[in-house]
N, C-alpha and C. Protein backbone atom coordinates (compact mmCIF):
# COMPACT_ATOMS: atom_id res chain seq x y z
N MET A 1 26.11 38.99 4.77
CA MET A 1 26.09 37.42 4.73
C MET A 1 26.79 37.15 6.26
N HIS A 2 25.77 37.00 7.08
CA HIS A 2 26.45 36.58 8.93
C HIS A 2 25.94 34.84 8.53
N VAL A 3 26.75 34.11 9.22
CA VAL A 3 26.32 33.08 9.91
C VAL A 3 25.80 33.28 11.19
N ASP A 4 24.39 33.01 11.07
CA ASP A 4 23.32 32.93 12.97
C ASP A 4 24.03 32.23 13.93
N ASP A 5 24.13 30.80 13.45
CA ASP A 5 24.56 29.55 14.07
C ASP A 5 24.96 28.49 13.51
N TYR A 6 25.80 27.70 14.41
CA TYR A 6 26.15 26.72 13.57
C TYR A 6 26.36 25.64 14.71
N ARG A 7 25.31 24.25 14.41
CA ARG A 7 25.58 22.81 15.20
C ARG A 7 26.07 22.05 14.46
N PHE A 8 26.21 20.87 15.37
CA PHE A 8 26.41 19.74 13.96
C PHE A 8 25.36 19.26 13.70
N GLY A 9 25.68 19.26 11.76
CA GLY A 9 24.74 18.75 11.04
C GLY A 9 23.73 20.13 10.72
N ARG A 10 24.19 21.67 10.97
CA ARG A 10 23.12 22.40 11.27
C ARG A 10 23.91 24.19 10.75
N ILE A 11 23.43 24.37 9.76
CA ILE A 11 24.06 25.98 9.85
C ILE A 11 22.55 26.90 9.51
N VAL A 12 22.77 27.96 10.42
CA VAL A 12 22.00 29.03 10.11
C VAL A 12 22.64 30.21 9.28
N ILE A 13 22.35 31.07 7.95
CA ILE A 13 22.97 31.81 7.72
C ILE A 13 22.15 33.07 7.05
N ASP A 14 22.04 34.05 7.83
CA ASP A 14 20.84 35.13 7.39
C ASP A 14 19.55 34.73 7.36
N GLY A 15 19.35 34.09 8.97
CA GLY A 15 17.98 33.49 9.29
C GLY A 15 17.57 31.97 8.74
N ARG A 16 18.45 31.82 7.59
CA ARG A 16 17.50 30.26 6.96
C ARG A 16 18.68 29.53 7.15
N ALA A 17 18.07 28.27 7.53
CA ALA A 17 18.80 26.56 8.02
C ALA A 17 19.63 26.15 7.05
N TYR A 18 20.25 25.98 7.27
CA TYR A 18 20.52 24.41 6.00
C TYR A 18 21.18 23.09 6.52
N THR A 19 21.09 22.11 6.04
CA THR A 19 21.57 20.66 6.76
C THR A 19 22.60 19.87 5.81
N ARG A 20 23.14 20.29 4.70
CA ARG A 20 24.03 19.83 4.07
C ARG A 20 25.37 21.18 3.86
N ASP A 21 26.50 20.85 3.57
CA ASP A 21 27.40 21.50 3.52
C ASP A 21 27.25 22.33 2.56
N VAL A 22 28.10 23.75 2.65
CA VAL A 22 28.08 24.50 1.97
C VAL A 22 28.52 25.55 1.77
N LEU A 23 28.79 25.83 0.65
CA LEU A 23 29.67 27.04 0.24
C LEU A 23 29.05 28.73 0.21
N LEU A 24 29.85 29.40 1.53
CA LEU A 24 29.70 31.00 0.89
C LEU A 24 30.21 31.87 0.57
N LEU A 25 29.67 32.33 -0.83
CA LEU A 25 30.51 33.21 -1.73
C LEU A 25 29.93 34.63 -1.40
N GLU A 26 30.65 35.74 -2.38
CA GLU A 26 30.32 37.09 -2.00
C GLU A 26 28.55 37.55 -1.93
N ALA A 27 27.91 37.14 -2.44
CA ALA A 27 26.26 37.38 -2.24
C ALA A 27 25.13 36.20 -2.13
N SER A 28 26.25 34.74 -2.23
CA SER A 28 25.08 33.51 -2.48
C SER A 28 25.81 32.54 -1.47
N VAL A 29 24.71 31.44 -1.23
CA VAL A 29 25.31 30.35 -0.54
C VAL A 29 24.54 29.01 -1.43
N GLN A 30 25.97 28.51 -1.33
CA GLN A 30 25.71 26.54 -2.36
C GLN A 30 25.28 25.79 -1.51
N SER A 31 24.69 25.20 -1.68
CA SER A 31 24.09 23.97 -0.96
C SER A 31 23.24 23.56 -1.23
N PRO A 32 23.26 21.99 -1.25
CA PRO A 32 24.37 21.25 -1.11
C PRO A 32 25.40 21.57 -1.58
N TRP A 33 26.56 21.07 -1.07
CA TRP A 33 28.35 21.52 -1.32
C TRP A 33 29.23 20.16 -1.27
N TRP A 34 28.68 19.74 -2.42
CA TRP A 34 29.77 18.26 -2.51
C TRP A 34 30.96 18.30 -2.96
N ARG A 35 32.13 17.26 -2.67
CA ARG A 35 33.68 17.24 -2.92
C ARG A 35 33.18 15.73 -3.24
N ARG A 36 34.03 15.78 -4.63
CA ARG A 36 34.56 14.32 -5.55
C ARG A 36 34.78 13.41 -4.36
N GLU A 37 35.46 13.48 -3.21
CA GLU A 37 35.80 12.33 -2.32
C GLU A 37 35.82 13.27 -0.87
N GLY A 38 34.35 12.99 -0.47
CA GLY A 38 33.67 13.29 0.43
C GLY A 38 34.18 13.30 1.68
N HIS A 39 35.25 13.04 2.28
CA HIS A 39 36.35 13.84 3.50
C HIS A 39 37.89 14.18 2.83
N CYS A 40 37.93 14.49 1.71
CA CYS A 40 38.84 15.25 1.32
C CYS A 40 39.04 16.50 0.34
N LEU A 41 39.48 17.19 0.53
CA LEU A 41 39.51 18.49 -0.10
C LEU A 41 40.27 18.73 -1.11
N ALA A 42 39.77 18.57 -2.36
CA ALA A 42 40.17 18.77 -3.61
C ALA A 42 40.30 20.58 -4.43
N ILE A 43 41.43 20.58 -4.88
CA ILE A 43 41.26 22.35 -5.92
C ILE A 43 39.99 22.40 -6.37
N GLU A 44 39.57 20.96 -7.08
CA GLU A 44 38.64 21.06 -8.02
C GLU A 44 36.85 21.03 -6.98
N ASP A 45 36.94 20.74 -5.99
CA ASP A 45 35.62 20.97 -4.97
C ASP A 45 35.00 22.95 -4.99
N LEU A 46 36.45 23.77 -4.94
CA LEU A 46 36.51 25.23 -4.86
C LEU A 46 36.30 25.96 -5.81
N GLU A 47 36.11 25.06 -7.42
CA GLU A 47 35.41 25.84 -8.24
C GLU A 47 34.83 27.56 -7.75
N PRO A 48 33.50 26.94 -7.70
CA PRO A 48 33.12 28.47 -7.25
C PRO A 48 33.82 29.77 -6.76
N VAL A 49 34.41 29.01 -5.50
CA VAL A 49 35.16 29.94 -5.26
C VAL A 49 36.34 31.22 -5.52
N LEU A 50 36.93 29.76 -6.56
CA LEU A 50 37.81 30.46 -7.22
C LEU A 50 37.68 31.38 -8.20
N ALA A 51 36.11 31.39 -9.00
CA ALA A 51 35.83 32.14 -9.72
C ALA A 51 35.45 33.46 -9.28
N MET A 52 35.16 33.29 -8.04
CA MET A 52 34.51 34.42 -7.12
C MET A 52 36.04 35.63 -6.94
N LYS A 53 37.49 34.63 -7.01
CA LYS A 53 38.45 35.44 -6.55
C LYS A 53 38.07 36.19 -4.89
N PRO A 54 38.58 35.55 -4.22
CA PRO A 54 38.59 35.88 -2.95
C PRO A 54 39.69 36.23 -2.48
N GLN A 55 39.92 36.96 -1.23
CA GLN A 55 41.04 37.22 -0.37
C GLN A 55 41.42 36.08 0.33
N ARG A 56 39.90 36.23 1.12
CA ARG A 56 40.61 34.95 2.17
C ARG A 56 39.35 33.93 1.95
N LEU A 57 39.55 32.60 1.98
CA LEU A 57 39.13 31.75 2.67
C LEU A 57 39.13 30.84 3.83
N VAL A 58 37.78 30.36 4.14
CA VAL A 58 37.91 29.73 5.53
C VAL A 58 37.32 28.38 5.54
N ILE A 59 38.27 27.75 5.51
CA ILE A 59 37.75 26.10 5.23
C ILE A 59 37.26 25.51 6.81
N GLY A 60 35.97 25.19 6.93
CA GLY A 60 35.59 24.62 8.20
C GLY A 60 35.63 22.71 7.74
N THR A 61 36.60 22.27 8.79
CA THR A 61 36.93 20.93 8.29
C THR A 61 35.58 19.95 9.28
N GLY A 62 34.87 20.79 9.71
CA GLY A 62 33.51 19.62 10.51
C GLY A 62 33.42 19.50 11.99
N ALA A 63 32.80 19.34 12.88
CA ALA A 63 32.28 19.09 14.30
C ALA A 63 33.80 18.62 14.88
N MET A 64 34.15 17.77 13.96
CA MET A 64 35.49 16.67 14.87
C MET A 64 36.73 17.27 14.03
N GLY A 65 36.29 17.97 12.94
CA GLY A 65 37.72 18.21 11.85
C GLY A 65 38.37 16.79 11.00
N ARG A 66 37.03 16.39 10.57
CA ARG A 66 37.64 14.88 9.96
C ARG A 66 37.63 15.39 8.52
N MET A 67 37.14 16.75 7.59
CA MET A 67 37.45 16.91 6.58
C MET A 67 38.93 17.08 6.13
N HIS A 68 39.74 16.60 5.30
CA HIS A 68 41.49 16.72 5.42
C HIS A 68 41.36 17.68 3.83
N VAL A 69 42.06 18.39 3.91
CA VAL A 69 42.69 19.81 3.61
C VAL A 69 44.00 19.31 3.15
N PRO A 70 44.52 18.79 1.74
CA PRO A 70 45.50 17.99 1.36
C PRO A 70 46.61 19.45 1.40
N PRO A 71 47.99 19.03 1.05
CA PRO A 71 48.85 20.24 1.50
C PRO A 71 49.07 20.59 -0.23
N GLU A 72 48.43 20.24 -1.33
CA GLU A 72 48.20 20.36 -2.81
C GLU A 72 47.15 21.59 -2.99
N THR A 73 46.31 21.13 -2.11
CA THR A 73 45.01 21.94 -2.30
C THR A 73 45.04 23.10 -1.58
N LEU A 74 45.93 23.48 -0.59
CA LEU A 74 46.27 24.64 -0.44
C LEU A 74 47.17 25.17 -1.22
N ALA A 75 48.20 24.57 -1.24
CA ALA A 75 49.31 25.51 -2.27
C ALA A 75 48.81 26.44 -3.44
N ALA A 76 47.58 25.27 -3.95
CA ALA A 76 47.10 25.61 -5.11
C ALA A 76 46.44 27.24 -4.78
N LEU A 77 45.82 27.20 -3.63
CA LEU A 77 44.65 28.25 -3.32
C LEU A 77 45.69 29.30 -2.91
N GLN A 78 47.07 29.24 -2.22
CA GLN A 78 47.77 30.13 -1.85
C GLN A 78 48.49 30.96 -3.40
N ALA A 79 48.71 29.75 -4.20
CA ALA A 79 49.18 30.21 -5.85
C ALA A 79 48.56 31.39 -6.36
N GLN A 80 47.22 31.20 -6.06
CA GLN A 80 46.54 32.17 -6.51
C GLN A 80 46.06 33.63 -5.61
N GLY A 81 46.51 33.53 -4.83
CA GLY A 81 47.06 34.81 -4.14
C GLY A 81 45.79 34.56 -2.73
N ILE A 82 45.03 33.37 -2.32
CA ILE A 82 44.17 33.68 -1.56
C ILE A 82 44.84 32.83 -0.05
N GLU A 83 44.45 33.76 0.90
CA GLU A 83 44.75 33.64 2.23
C GLU A 83 43.75 32.23 2.77
N CYS A 84 44.03 31.50 3.09
CA CYS A 84 43.63 30.43 3.94
C CYS A 84 43.43 30.37 5.31
N SER A 85 42.38 29.91 5.66
CA SER A 85 42.43 29.31 7.29
C SER A 85 41.36 28.11 7.34
N VAL A 86 41.92 26.84 8.05
CA VAL A 86 41.80 25.58 7.99
C VAL A 86 41.44 25.63 9.66
N THR A 87 40.35 25.04 9.90
CA THR A 87 39.95 24.74 11.49
C THR A 87 38.47 23.96 11.25
N ARG A 88 38.51 23.70 12.32
CA ARG A 88 37.30 23.47 13.01
C ARG A 88 36.17 23.92 12.47
N THR A 89 34.79 23.85 12.05
CA THR A 89 33.61 24.57 11.54
C THR A 89 33.33 25.64 12.77
N ALA A 90 32.95 25.22 13.68
CA ALA A 90 32.67 26.27 14.92
C ALA A 90 33.54 27.42 14.59
N GLN A 91 34.61 27.36 15.00
CA GLN A 91 35.45 28.32 14.96
C GLN A 91 35.45 28.60 13.59
N ALA A 92 35.68 27.94 12.17
CA ALA A 92 35.37 28.63 11.27
C ALA A 92 34.61 29.87 10.52
N VAL A 93 33.31 29.35 11.43
CA VAL A 93 32.44 30.30 11.28
C VAL A 93 32.26 31.82 12.13
N GLU A 94 33.21 31.57 13.39
CA GLU A 94 33.58 32.61 14.14
C GLU A 94 34.68 33.53 13.63
N LEU A 95 35.48 32.52 12.72
CA LEU A 95 36.52 33.47 12.08
C LEU A 95 35.73 34.37 10.50
N PHE A 96 34.92 33.65 9.76
CA PHE A 96 34.54 33.89 8.44
C PHE A 96 33.38 34.82 9.32
N ASN A 97 32.51 35.27 10.02
CA ASN A 97 31.97 36.21 10.44
C ASN A 97 32.47 37.48 10.57
N ARG A 98 33.94 37.15 11.36
CA ARG A 98 34.61 38.51 11.69
C ARG A 98 35.24 39.01 10.52
N TRP A 99 35.93 38.02 9.79
CA TRP A 99 36.80 38.42 8.65
C TRP A 99 35.66 39.14 7.31
N ARG A 100 34.38 39.12 7.78
CA ARG A 100 33.87 39.69 6.20
C ARG A 100 32.97 41.25 6.83
N MET A 101 33.33 41.34 8.69
CA MET A 101 33.21 42.41 8.49
C MET A 101 34.53 43.48 8.17
N GLU A 102 35.54 42.89 8.45
CA GLU A 102 36.78 43.96 8.00
C GLU A 102 36.50 43.78 6.45
N ALA A 103 37.48 44.87 5.80
CA ALA A 103 37.61 44.96 4.56
C ALA A 103 38.16 43.60 3.61
N GLY A 104 37.56 43.53 2.21
CA GLY A 104 38.14 42.38 1.78
C GLY A 104 36.97 41.24 1.57
N ARG A 105 37.49 40.35 -0.01
CA ARG A 105 36.87 39.39 -0.59
C ARG A 105 36.58 38.12 0.69
N THR A 106 35.43 37.62 0.72
CA THR A 106 35.65 36.83 1.98
C THR A 106 34.92 35.40 1.27
N ALA A 107 35.32 34.29 1.30
CA ALA A 107 34.44 33.32 1.11
C ALA A 107 34.67 32.13 2.41
N ALA A 108 33.86 30.72 2.45
CA ALA A 108 33.89 29.68 3.55
C ALA A 108 33.31 29.07 2.49
N ALA A 109 34.14 27.82 3.25
CA ALA A 109 33.93 26.08 2.33
C ALA A 109 33.72 25.14 3.67
N LEU A 110 32.26 25.19 4.42
CA LEU A 110 32.03 24.39 5.64
C LEU A 110 31.06 23.08 5.82
N HIS A 111 32.24 21.93 6.15
CA HIS A 111 31.70 20.66 6.26
C HIS A 111 30.66 20.80 7.46
N LEU A 112 29.64 20.44 7.64
CA LEU A 112 28.70 20.50 8.94
C LEU A 112 28.55 19.93 9.67
N THR A 113 29.37 18.00 9.27
CA THR A 113 29.18 17.14 10.27
C THR A 113 30.25 16.76 11.16
N CYS A 114 30.71 15.54 10.79
CA CYS A 114 31.89 15.28 11.62
C CYS A 114 33.25 15.89 11.00
């Protein structure tokens, strides 16, 4: 899986365009990806990621970084042995592509707009 392009509100993954937030799992894309509280990421919002049991998770907080990731969400991920990176979505996409080229299971949770 490779992210070909990201722009505000639009992402292209393996040649297919998506205009709703996405979860990138081992071999699938889940879109639309909804959160219980739109701009706040709870651990419950990541159930498909947790089921995948990735080694690493890239969280894209939007073009302007407006999606909040509470410390308790990060702590719950780390307690399960998942290395996390939280950054704006453009940087998250670059990191996801780089990590996917390396060994290990990598997932991404990407907010596409604000």
